[in-house]
Amino acid sequence: MSADAADPALRLEGVHKAFSADGRTVRALDGAGLRAEPGVITGLVGPDGAGKTTLMRLAAGLLQPDAGRIEALGIDVLADPLAVQAGVGYMPQRFGLYEELSVQENLDLYADLQGVPRAERAERHAELTRMTGLAPFTRRLAGRLSGGMKQKLGLACTLIGYPRLLLLDEPTAGVDPVSRRELWAIVDRLVRERGTSVLLATAYLDEAERCHRVSVLHRGRVLGDGAPGTFTEALAGRVYTVAAEGAARRCSRSRLAAPSAATV
């Protein structure tokens, strides 16, 4: 099945996924549903352990769900994961750069893996290194790049095949503020100039506000979706003061974050 202009770039319906570890079952996704529209940035927001990475890997066809349906670019991911991977670019939290290779050699390797015709590579490499600011560093070993530069090289390698759907798993985690801003500028440009569809996972609320739409994921369930302002309007003008006499600040934060505190 091919994607129609009116179809979502990514759709998940009733998706379940559990893992077994140390004799116990961990439910990563519990009936999750999500819709990412074409040509926009959809934010997947949630704390660590919410299930964001599992959802991303399922959408990329790297895992199979226990139940539910996933379509990417109009293709059933479970039925034809290879077709999905041909049109989807997935950048995990720790992108697999080869640190003993140069920037140029990493780009060449990923062009080989993604089947980019040799006649098109020089133009693509020039565009991507210019876009990411890596043009002056193509001979530098990847292992000698800063953290932010490594993230930008990982993004360039992900984009080498010009994917129509881009899955970014917390791409700005652990990078400096300047690199965060530069990475966002690259993503904004891709959407604006190429019409790329983006699903971006983040735990940062300021980044969620930069997305066109947001889905909030918690404990494997999507609690809500809509424009970023939808989730902050209800809290406008509200202030809460918490006093914890004799208790350590960190302990107080942990107690407030506990599930039972949600009803307080």
C-alpha atoms as a PDB file:
ATOM      1  CA  MET A   1       0.000   0.000   0.000  1.00  0.00           C
ATOM      2  CA  SER A   2       1.405   3.407  -0.931  1.00  0.00           C
ATOM      3  CA  ALA A   3       1.043   6.574   1.067  1.00  0.00           C
ATOM      4  CA  ASP A   4      -1.602   9.085   0.026  1.00  0.00           C
ATOM      5  CA  ALA A   5      -1.153  12.805   0.654  1.00  0.00           C
ATOM      6  CA  ALA A   6      -3.976  12.683   3.208  1.00  0.00           C
ATOM      7  CA  ASP A   7      -2.528   9.701   5.069  1.00  0.00           C
ATOM      8  CA  PRO A   8      -0.451  10.207   8.218  1.00  0.00           C
ATOM      9  CA  ALA A   9       3.280   9.710   7.876  1.00  0.00           C
ATOM     10  CA  LEU A  10       3.121   7.367  10.864  1.00  0.00           C
ATOM     11  CA  ARG A  11       0.186   5.697  12.611  1.00  0.00           C
ATOM     12  CA  LEU A  12       0.164   3.395  15.632  1.00  0.00           C
ATOM     13  CA  GLU A  13      -3.037   1.807  16.907  1.00  0.00           C
ATOM     14  CA  GLY A  14      -3.316  -0.222  20.107  1.00  0.00           C
ATOM     15  CA  VAL A  15       0.366  -1.130  20.190  1.00  0.00           C
ATOM     16  CA  HIS A  16       1.645  -3.384  22.970  1.00  0.00           C
ATOM     17  CA  LYS A  17       5.234  -4.402  23.618  1.00  0.00           C
ATOM     18  CA  ALA A  18       6.709  -6.162  26.636  1.00  0.00           C
ATOM     19  CA  PHE A  19      10.179  -7.440  27.473  1.00  0.00           C
ATOM     20  CA  SER A  20      11.332 -10.147  29.883  1.00  0.00           C
ATOM     21  CA  ALA A  21      14.260  -9.279  32.127  1.00  0.00           C
ATOM     22  CA  ASP A  22      15.572 -10.987  35.261  1.00  0.00           C
ATOM     23  CA  GLY A  23      12.483 -13.170  35.539  1.00  0.00           C
ATOM     24  CA  ARG A  24      10.029 -10.296  35.339  1.00  0.00           C
ATOM     25  CA  THR A  25       8.007  -8.731  32.543  1.00  0.00           C
ATOM     26  CA  VAL A  26       8.448  -5.068  31.699  1.00  0.00           C
ATOM     27  CA  ARG A  27       5.562  -3.553  29.759  1.00  0.00           C
ATOM     28  CA  ALA A  28       7.167  -0.888  27.542  1.00  0.00           C
ATOM     29  CA  LEU A  29       4.037   0.012  25.557  1.00  0.00           C
ATOM     30  CA  ASP A  30       0.509  -0.593  26.758  1.00  0.00           C
ATOM     31  CA  GLY A  31      -2.009   0.039  23.978  1.00  0.00           C
ATOM     32  CA  ALA A  32      -0.184   3.087  22.628  1.00  0.00           C
ATOM     33  CA  GLY A  33      -1.717   5.035  19.750  1.00  0.00           C
ATOM     34  CA  LEU A  34      -0.091   7.843  17.814  1.00  0.00           C
ATOM     35  CA  ARG A  35      -0.579   9.773  14.586  1.00  0.00           C
ATOM     36  CA  ALA A  36       2.206  11.840  12.977  1.00  0.00           C
ATOM     37  CA  GLU A  37       1.047  14.036  10.119  1.00  0.00           C
ATOM     38  CA  PRO A  38       3.143  14.487   6.965  1.00  0.00           C
ATOM     39  CA  GLY A  39       5.459  17.459   6.612  1.00  0.00           C
ATOM     40  CA  VAL A  40       5.422  18.537  10.261  1.00  0.00           C
ATOM     41  CA  ILE A  41       7.397  17.908  13.459  1.00  0.00           C
ATOM     42  CA  THR A  42       5.535  15.698  15.909  1.00  0.00           C
ATOM     43  CA  GLY A  43       6.990  15.655  19.405  1.00  0.00           C
ATOM     44  CA  LEU A  44       6.951  12.481  21.488  1.00  0.00           C
ATOM     45  CA  VAL A  45       7.291  13.768  25.030  1.00  0.00           C
ATOM     46  CA  GLY A  46       7.825  11.732  28.158  1.00  0.00           C
ATOM     47  CA  PRO A  47      10.252  11.006  30.987  1.00  0.00           C
ATOM     48  CA  ASP A  48      12.927   8.316  30.945  1.00  0.00           C
ATOM     49  CA  GLY A  49      11.295   4.895  30.879  1.00  0.00           C
ATOM     50  CA  ALA A  50       8.084   6.152  29.272  1.00  0.00           C
ATOM     51  CA  GLY A  51       8.556   3.894  26.224  1.00  0.00           C
ATOM     52  CA  LYS A  52       9.807   6.468  23.698  1.00  0.00           C
ATOM     53  CA  THR A  53      12.745   4.411  22.410  1.00  0.00           C
ATOM     54  CA  THR A  54      10.636   1.257  22.103  1.00  0.00           C
ATOM     55  CA  LEU A  55       8.027   3.159  20.088  1.00  0.00           C
ATOM     56  CA  MET A  56      10.737   4.562  17.820  1.00  0.00           C
ATOM     57  CA  ARG A  57      12.289   1.150  17.181  1.00  0.00           C
ATOM     58  CA  LEU A  58       8.892  -0.351  16.424  1.00  0.00           C
ATOM     59  CA  ALA A  59       8.122   2.468  13.977  1.00  0.00           C
ATOM     60  CA  ALA A  60      11.460   1.865  12.239  1.00  0.00           C
ATOM     61  CA  GLY A  61      10.711  -1.837  11.803  1.00  0.00           C
ATOM     62  CA  LEU A  62      13.526  -2.928  14.127  1.00  0.00           C
ATOM     63  CA  LEU A  63      11.155  -4.570  16.617  1.00  0.00           C
ATOM     64  CA  GLN A  64       7.845  -6.356  16.239  1.00  0.00           C
ATOM     65  CA  PRO A  65       4.885  -5.424  18.444  1.00  0.00           C
ATOM     66  CA  ASP A  66       3.148  -8.021  20.588  1.00  0.00           C
ATOM     67  CA  ALA A  67      -0.170  -6.596  19.407  1.00  0.00           C
ATOM     68  CA  GLY A  68      -1.489  -3.625  17.489  1.00  0.00           C
ATOM     69  CA  ARG A  69      -0.935  -2.057  14.099  1.00  0.00           C
ATOM     70  CA  ILE A  70       1.810   0.248  12.815  1.00  0.00           C
ATOM     71  CA  GLU A  71       1.892   1.987   9.439  1.00  0.00           C
ATOM     72  CA  ALA A  72       4.756   4.157   8.231  1.00  0.00           C
ATOM     73  CA  LEU A  73       4.446   6.033   4.940  1.00  0.00           C
ATOM     74  CA  GLY A  74       1.323   3.980   4.216  1.00  0.00           C
ATOM     75  CA  ILE A  75       3.189   0.665   4.610  1.00  0.00           C
ATOM     76  CA  ASP A  76       2.339  -2.000   7.161  1.00  0.00           C
ATOM     77  CA  VAL A  77       5.532  -2.146   9.228  1.00  0.00           C
ATOM     78  CA  LEU A  78       4.920  -5.680  10.463  1.00  0.00           C
ATOM     79  CA  ALA A  79       4.229  -7.033   6.968  1.00  0.00           C
ATOM     80  CA  ASP A  80       7.083  -5.287   5.136  1.00  0.00           C
ATOM     81  CA  PRO A  81       9.736  -3.828   7.469  1.00  0.00           C
ATOM     82  CA  LEU A  82      12.380  -3.634   4.713  1.00  0.00           C
ATOM     83  CA  ALA A  83      10.162  -1.401   2.577  1.00  0.00           C
ATOM     84  CA  VAL A  84       9.624   0.847   5.597  1.00  0.00           C
ATOM     85  CA  GLN A  85      13.334   1.062   6.343  1.00  0.00           C
ATOM     86  CA  ALA A  86      13.979   2.190   2.761  1.00  0.00           C
ATOM     87  CA  GLY A  87      11.949   5.362   3.343  1.00  0.00           C
ATOM     88  CA  VAL A  88      12.538   5.970   7.041  1.00  0.00           C
ATOM     89  CA  GLY A  89      15.619   7.472   8.671  1.00  0.00           C
ATOM     90  CA  TYR A  90      16.116   6.467  12.304  1.00  0.00           C
ATOM     91  CA  MET A  91      18.662   8.149  14.554  1.00  0.00           C
ATOM     92  CA  PRO A  92      18.888   6.414  17.939  1.00  0.00           C
ATOM     93  CA  GLN A  93      20.202   8.062  21.092  1.00  0.00           C
ATOM     94  CA  ARG A  94      23.637   6.558  20.541  1.00  0.00           C
ATOM     95  CA  PHE A  95      24.165   6.652  16.813  1.00  0.00           C
ATOM     96  CA  GLY A  96      26.635   4.071  15.503  1.00  0.00           C
ATOM     97  CA  LEU A  97      29.478   6.204  14.212  1.00  0.00           C
ATOM     98  CA  TYR A  98      32.785   4.536  13.399  1.00  0.00           C
ATOM     99  CA  GLU A  99      35.131   6.652  15.462  1.00  0.00           C
ATOM    100  CA  GLU A 100      38.297   5.335  13.795  1.00  0.00           C
ATOM    101  CA  LEU A 101      36.990   6.595  10.436  1.00  0.00           C
ATOM    102  CA  SER A 102      36.923  10.198   9.255  1.00  0.00           C
ATOM    103  CA  VAL A 103      33.778  12.266   8.789  1.00  0.00           C
ATOM    104  CA  GLN A 104      33.963  11.644   5.029  1.00  0.00           C
ATOM    105  CA  GLU A 105      34.522   7.907   5.483  1.00  0.00           C
ATOM    106  CA  ASN A 106      31.490   7.645   7.765  1.00  0.00           C
ATOM    107  CA  LEU A 107      29.355   9.398   5.153  1.00  0.00           C
ATOM    108  CA  ASP A 108      30.706   7.083   2.434  1.00  0.00           C
ATOM    109  CA  LEU A 109      29.985   4.005   4.542  1.00  0.00           C
ATOM    110  CA  TYR A 110      26.379   5.009   5.272  1.00  0.00           C
ATOM    111  CA  ALA A 111      25.883   5.912   1.612  1.00  0.00           C
ATOM    112  CA  ASP A 112      26.948   2.341   0.792  1.00  0.00           C
ATOM    113  CA  LEU A 113      24.575   0.899   3.410  1.00  0.00           C
ATOM    114  CA  GLN A 114      21.653   2.961   2.118  1.00  0.00           C
ATOM    115  CA  GLY A 115      22.367   2.266  -1.535  1.00  0.00           C
ATOM    116  CA  VAL A 116      22.972   5.872  -2.592  1.00  0.00           C
ATOM    117  CA  PRO A 117      24.138   5.923  -6.249  1.00  0.00           C
ATOM    118  CA  ARG A 118      27.767   7.005  -6.548  1.00  0.00           C
ATOM    119  CA  ALA A 119      26.887   9.670  -9.097  1.00  0.00           C
ATOM    120  CA  GLU A 120      24.729  11.432  -6.475  1.00  0.00           C
ATOM    121  CA  ARG A 121      27.058  11.209  -3.499  1.00  0.00           C
ATOM    122  CA  ALA A 122      29.280  14.246  -4.022  1.00  0.00           C
ATOM    123  CA  GLU A 123      26.286  16.575  -4.186  1.00  0.00           C
ATOM    124  CA  ARG A 124      24.576  14.989  -1.172  1.00  0.00           C
ATOM    125  CA  HIS A 125      27.750  14.986   0.922  1.00  0.00           C
ATOM    126  CA  ALA A 126      28.390  18.637   0.100  1.00  0.00           C
ATOM    127  CA  GLU A 127      24.825  19.603   1.037  1.00  0.00           C
ATOM    128  CA  LEU A 128      24.822  17.645   4.291  1.00  0.00           C
ATOM    129  CA  THR A 129      28.249  18.788   5.483  1.00  0.00           C
ATOM    130  CA  ARG A 130      27.303  22.386   4.678  1.00  0.00           C
ATOM    131  CA  MET A 131      23.954  22.015   6.466  1.00  0.00           C
ATOM    132  CA  THR A 132      25.571  20.514   9.581  1.00  0.00           C
ATOM    133  CA  GLY A 133      28.639  22.771   9.620  1.00  0.00           C
ATOM    134  CA  LEU A 134      30.983  19.812   9.122  1.00  0.00           C
ATOM    135  CA  ALA A 135      32.383  20.896   5.736  1.00  0.00           C
ATOM    136  CA  PRO A 136      35.730  22.078   7.209  1.00  0.00           C
ATOM    137  CA  PHE A 137      36.148  18.813   9.173  1.00  0.00           C
ATOM    138  CA  THR A 138      35.596  16.036   6.612  1.00  0.00           C
ATOM    139  CA  ARG A 139      39.112  14.616   7.187  1.00  0.00           C
ATOM    140  CA  ARG A 140      38.853  14.626  10.981  1.00  0.00           C
ATOM    141  CA  LEU A 141      38.330  11.284  12.724  1.00  0.00           C
ATOM    142  CA  ALA A 142      34.824  10.936  14.133  1.00  0.00           C
ATOM    143  CA  GLY A 143      36.323   9.995  17.488  1.00  0.00           C
ATOM    144  CA  ARG A 144      37.947  13.422  17.710  1.00  0.00           C
ATOM    145  CA  LEU A 145      34.728  15.369  17.231  1.00  0.00           C
ATOM    146  CA  SER A 146      32.919  17.091  20.098  1.00  0.00           C
ATOM    147  CA  GLY A 147      29.665  15.605  21.361  1.00  0.00           C
ATOM    148  CA  GLY A 148      27.573  18.105  19.426  1.00  0.00           C
ATOM    149  CA  MET A 149      29.537  17.516  16.223  1.00  0.00           C
ATOM    150  CA  LYS A 150      29.099  13.754  16.604  1.00  0.00           C
ATOM    151  CA  GLN A 151      25.336  14.257  16.855  1.00  0.00           C
ATOM    152  CA  LYS A 152      25.368  16.356  13.705  1.00  0.00           C
ATOM    153  CA  LEU A 153      27.438  13.748  11.874  1.00  0.00           C
ATOM    154  CA  GLY A 154      24.983  11.080  13.028  1.00  0.00           C
ATOM    155  CA  LEU A 155      22.129  13.162  11.648  1.00  0.00           C
ATOM    156  CA  ALA A 156      23.975  13.667   8.352  1.00  0.00           C
ATOM    157  CA  CYS A 157      24.513   9.903   8.044  1.00  0.00           C
ATOM    158  CA  THR A 158      20.822   9.308   8.782  1.00  0.00           C
ATOM    159  CA  LEU A 159      19.839  11.804   6.077  1.00  0.00           C
ATOM    160  CA  ILE A 160      22.179  10.470   3.398  1.00  0.00           C
ATOM    161  CA  GLY A 161      19.328   8.553   1.738  1.00  0.00           C
ATOM    162  CA  TYR A 162      16.916  11.530   1.908  1.00  0.00           C
ATOM    163  CA  PRO A 163      14.288   9.737   4.055  1.00  0.00           C
ATOM    164  CA  ARG A 164      10.678  10.921   3.837  1.00  0.00           C
ATOM    165  CA  LEU A 165      10.086  10.127   7.513  1.00  0.00           C
ATOM    166  CA  LEU A 166      12.727  10.961  10.114  1.00  0.00           C
ATOM    167  CA  LEU A 167      12.672   9.368  13.582  1.00  0.00           C
ATOM    168  CA  LEU A 168      14.891  11.175  16.091  1.00  0.00           C
ATOM    169  CA  ASP A 169      15.299   9.656  19.553  1.00  0.00           C
ATOM    170  CA  GLU A 170      16.301  12.492  21.891  1.00  0.00           C
ATOM    171  CA  PRO A 171      18.819  13.926  19.397  1.00  0.00           C
ATOM    172  CA  THR A 172      19.834  16.826  21.661  1.00  0.00           C
ATOM    173  CA  ALA A 173      20.324  14.863  24.893  1.00  0.00           C
ATOM    174  CA  GLY A 174      23.716  15.572  26.417  1.00  0.00           C
ATOM    175  CA  VAL A 175      24.835  18.186  23.888  1.00  0.00           C
ATOM    176  CA  ASP A 176      25.704  21.815  24.542  1.00  0.00           C
ATOM    177  CA  PRO A 177      23.115  24.605  24.068  1.00  0.00           C
ATOM    178  CA  VAL A 178      24.717  25.871  20.844  1.00  0.00           C
ATOM    179  CA  SER A 179      24.633  22.388  19.284  1.00  0.00           C
ATOM    180  CA  ARG A 180      21.017  21.963  20.410  1.00  0.00           C
ATOM    181  CA  ARG A 181      20.082  25.153  18.617  1.00  0.00           C
ATOM    182  CA  GLU A 182      21.980  24.097  15.480  1.00  0.00           C
ATOM    183  CA  LEU A 183      20.367  20.652  15.419  1.00  0.00           C
ATOM    184  CA  TRP A 184      16.925  22.223  15.657  1.00  0.00           C
ATOM    185  CA  ALA A 185      17.788  24.599  12.815  1.00  0.00           C
ATOM    186  CA  ILE A 186      18.659  21.589  10.639  1.00  0.00           C
ATOM    187  CA  VAL A 187      15.386  19.818  11.484  1.00  0.00           C
ATOM    188  CA  ASP A 188      13.335  22.976  10.840  1.00  0.00           C
ATOM    189  CA  ARG A 189      15.047  23.395   7.470  1.00  0.00           C
ATOM    190  CA  LEU A 190      14.335  19.794   6.450  1.00  0.00           C
ATOM    191  CA  VAL A 191      10.637  20.244   7.180  1.00  0.00           C
ATOM    192  CA  ARG A 192      10.426  23.640   5.518  1.00  0.00           C
ATOM    193  CA  GLU A 193      12.461  22.906   2.366  1.00  0.00           C
ATOM    194  CA  ARG A 194      11.981  19.171   1.815  1.00  0.00           C
ATOM    195  CA  GLY A 195       8.640  18.513   3.454  1.00  0.00           C
ATOM    196  CA  THR A 196      10.223  15.843   5.647  1.00  0.00           C
ATOM    197  CA  SER A 197       7.941  14.295   8.273  1.00  0.00           C
ATOM    198  CA  VAL A 198       9.610  14.174  11.697  1.00  0.00           C
ATOM    199  CA  LEU A 199       8.850  12.308  14.916  1.00  0.00           C
ATOM    200  CA  LEU A 200      11.141  13.667  17.605  1.00  0.00           C
ATOM    201  CA  ALA A 201      11.355  12.163  21.083  1.00  0.00           C
ATOM    202  CA  THR A 202      12.346  14.512  23.882  1.00  0.00           C
ATOM    203  CA  ALA A 203      12.121  14.920  27.620  1.00  0.00           C
ATOM    204  CA  TYR A 204      12.558  18.707  27.345  1.00  0.00           C
ATOM    205  CA  LEU A 205       9.408  20.801  27.537  1.00  0.00           C
ATOM    206  CA  ASP A 206      11.022  23.747  25.763  1.00  0.00           C
ATOM    207  CA  GLU A 207      11.688  21.470  22.791  1.00  0.00           C
ATOM    208  CA  ALA A 208       8.115  20.206  22.863  1.00  0.00           C
ATOM    209  CA  GLU A 209       6.972  23.791  22.352  1.00  0.00           C
ATOM    210  CA  ARG A 210       8.906  23.921  19.074  1.00  0.00           C
ATOM    211  CA  CYS A 211       6.944  20.996  17.610  1.00  0.00           C
ATOM    212  CA  HIS A 212       3.811  21.435  15.541  1.00  0.00           C
ATOM    213  CA  ARG A 213       2.001  18.730  17.512  1.00  0.00           C
ATOM    214  CA  VAL A 214       2.832  16.769  20.642  1.00  0.00           C
ATOM    215  CA  SER A 215       1.947  13.328  21.984  1.00  0.00           C
ATOM    216  CA  VAL A 216       2.580  12.761  25.698  1.00  0.00           C
ATOM    217  CA  LEU A 217       3.764   9.248  26.560  1.00  0.00           C
ATOM    218  CA  HIS A 218       3.834   7.938  30.128  1.00  0.00           C
ATOM    219  CA  ARG A 219       4.329   4.348  31.232  1.00  0.00           C
ATOM    220  CA  GLY A 220       3.680   3.067  27.741  1.00  0.00           C
ATOM    221  CA  ARG A 221       0.431   4.941  27.210  1.00  0.00           C
ATOM    222  CA  VAL A 222      -0.268   8.065  25.190  1.00  0.00           C
ATOM    223  CA  LEU A 223      -2.064  10.364  27.637  1.00  0.00           C
ATOM    224  CA  GLY A 224      -2.917  13.051  25.120  1.00  0.00           C
ATOM    225  CA  ASP A 225      -2.008  14.733  21.875  1.00  0.00           C
ATOM    226  CA  GLY A 226      -2.488  18.140  20.328  1.00  0.00           C
ATOM    227  CA  ALA A 227      -0.794  21.475  19.840  1.00  0.00           C
ATOM    228  CA  PRO A 228       1.903  22.167  22.469  1.00  0.00           C
ATOM    229  CA  GLY A 229      -0.160  24.933  24.040  1.00  0.00           C
ATOM    230  CA  THR A 230      -2.986  22.484  24.723  1.00  0.00           C
ATOM    231  CA  PHE A 231      -1.079  21.048  27.671  1.00  0.00           C
ATOM    232  CA  THR A 232      -0.049  24.333  29.268  1.00  0.00           C
ATOM    233  CA  GLU A 233      -3.256  26.363  28.933  1.00  0.00           C
ATOM    234  CA  ALA A 234      -4.948  24.455  31.759  1.00  0.00           C
ATOM    235  CA  LEU A 235      -2.114  25.442  34.129  1.00  0.00           C
ATOM    236  CA  ALA A 236      -2.058  29.144  33.272  1.00  0.00           C
ATOM    237  CA  GLY A 237      -2.112  31.284  36.413  1.00  0.00           C
ATOM    238  CA  ARG A 238      -1.771  28.351  38.782  1.00  0.00           C
ATOM    239  CA  VAL A 239       0.992  28.325  41.371  1.00  0.00           C
ATOM    240  CA  TYR A 240       1.704  25.549  43.843  1.00  0.00           C
ATOM    241  CA  THR A 241       3.863  25.937  46.922  1.00  0.00           C
ATOM    242  CA  VAL A 242       5.234  22.871  48.664  1.00  0.00           C
ATOM    243  CA  ALA A 243       6.742  23.004  52.139  1.00  0.00           C
ATOM    244  CA  ALA A 244       8.645  19.988  53.420  1.00  0.00           C
ATOM    245  CA  GLU A 245       9.976  20.822  56.843  1.00  0.00           C
ATOM    246  CA  GLY A 246      13.068  18.886  57.735  1.00  0.00           C
ATOM    247  CA  ALA A 247      13.125  16.906  54.481  1.00  0.00           C
ATOM    248  CA  ALA A 248      15.875  16.993  51.894  1.00  0.00           C
ATOM    249  CA  ARG A 249      14.988  18.789  48.663  1.00  0.00           C
ATOM    250  CA  ARG A 250      15.793  15.764  46.502  1.00  0.00           C
ATOM    251  CA  CYS A 251      13.624  13.505  48.661  1.00  0.00           C
ATOM    252  CA  SER A 252      10.731  15.953  48.353  1.00  0.00           C
ATOM    253  CA  ARG A 253      11.031  15.994  44.566  1.00  0.00           C
ATOM    254  CA  SER A 254      10.974  12.194  44.455  1.00  0.00           C
ATOM    255  CA  ARG A 255       7.811  12.051  46.579  1.00  0.00           C
ATOM    256  CA  LEU A 256       6.068  14.629  44.365  1.00  0.00           C
ATOM    257  CA  ALA A 257       6.991  12.662  41.251  1.00  0.00           C
ATOM    258  CA  ALA A 258       5.473   9.456  42.639  1.00  0.00           C
ATOM    259  CA  PRO A 259       2.219   8.291  40.938  1.00  0.00           C
ATOM    260  CA  SER A 260       0.203   8.795  44.119  1.00  0.00           C
ATOM    261  CA  ALA A 261       1.141  12.479  44.112  1.00  0.00           C
ATOM    262  CA  ALA A 262      -0.848  13.015  40.906  1.00  0.00           C
ATOM    263  CA  THR A 263      -4.088  13.011  42.914  1.00  0.00           C
ATOM    264  CA  VAL A 264      -2.889  15.568  45.450  1.00  0.00           C
END
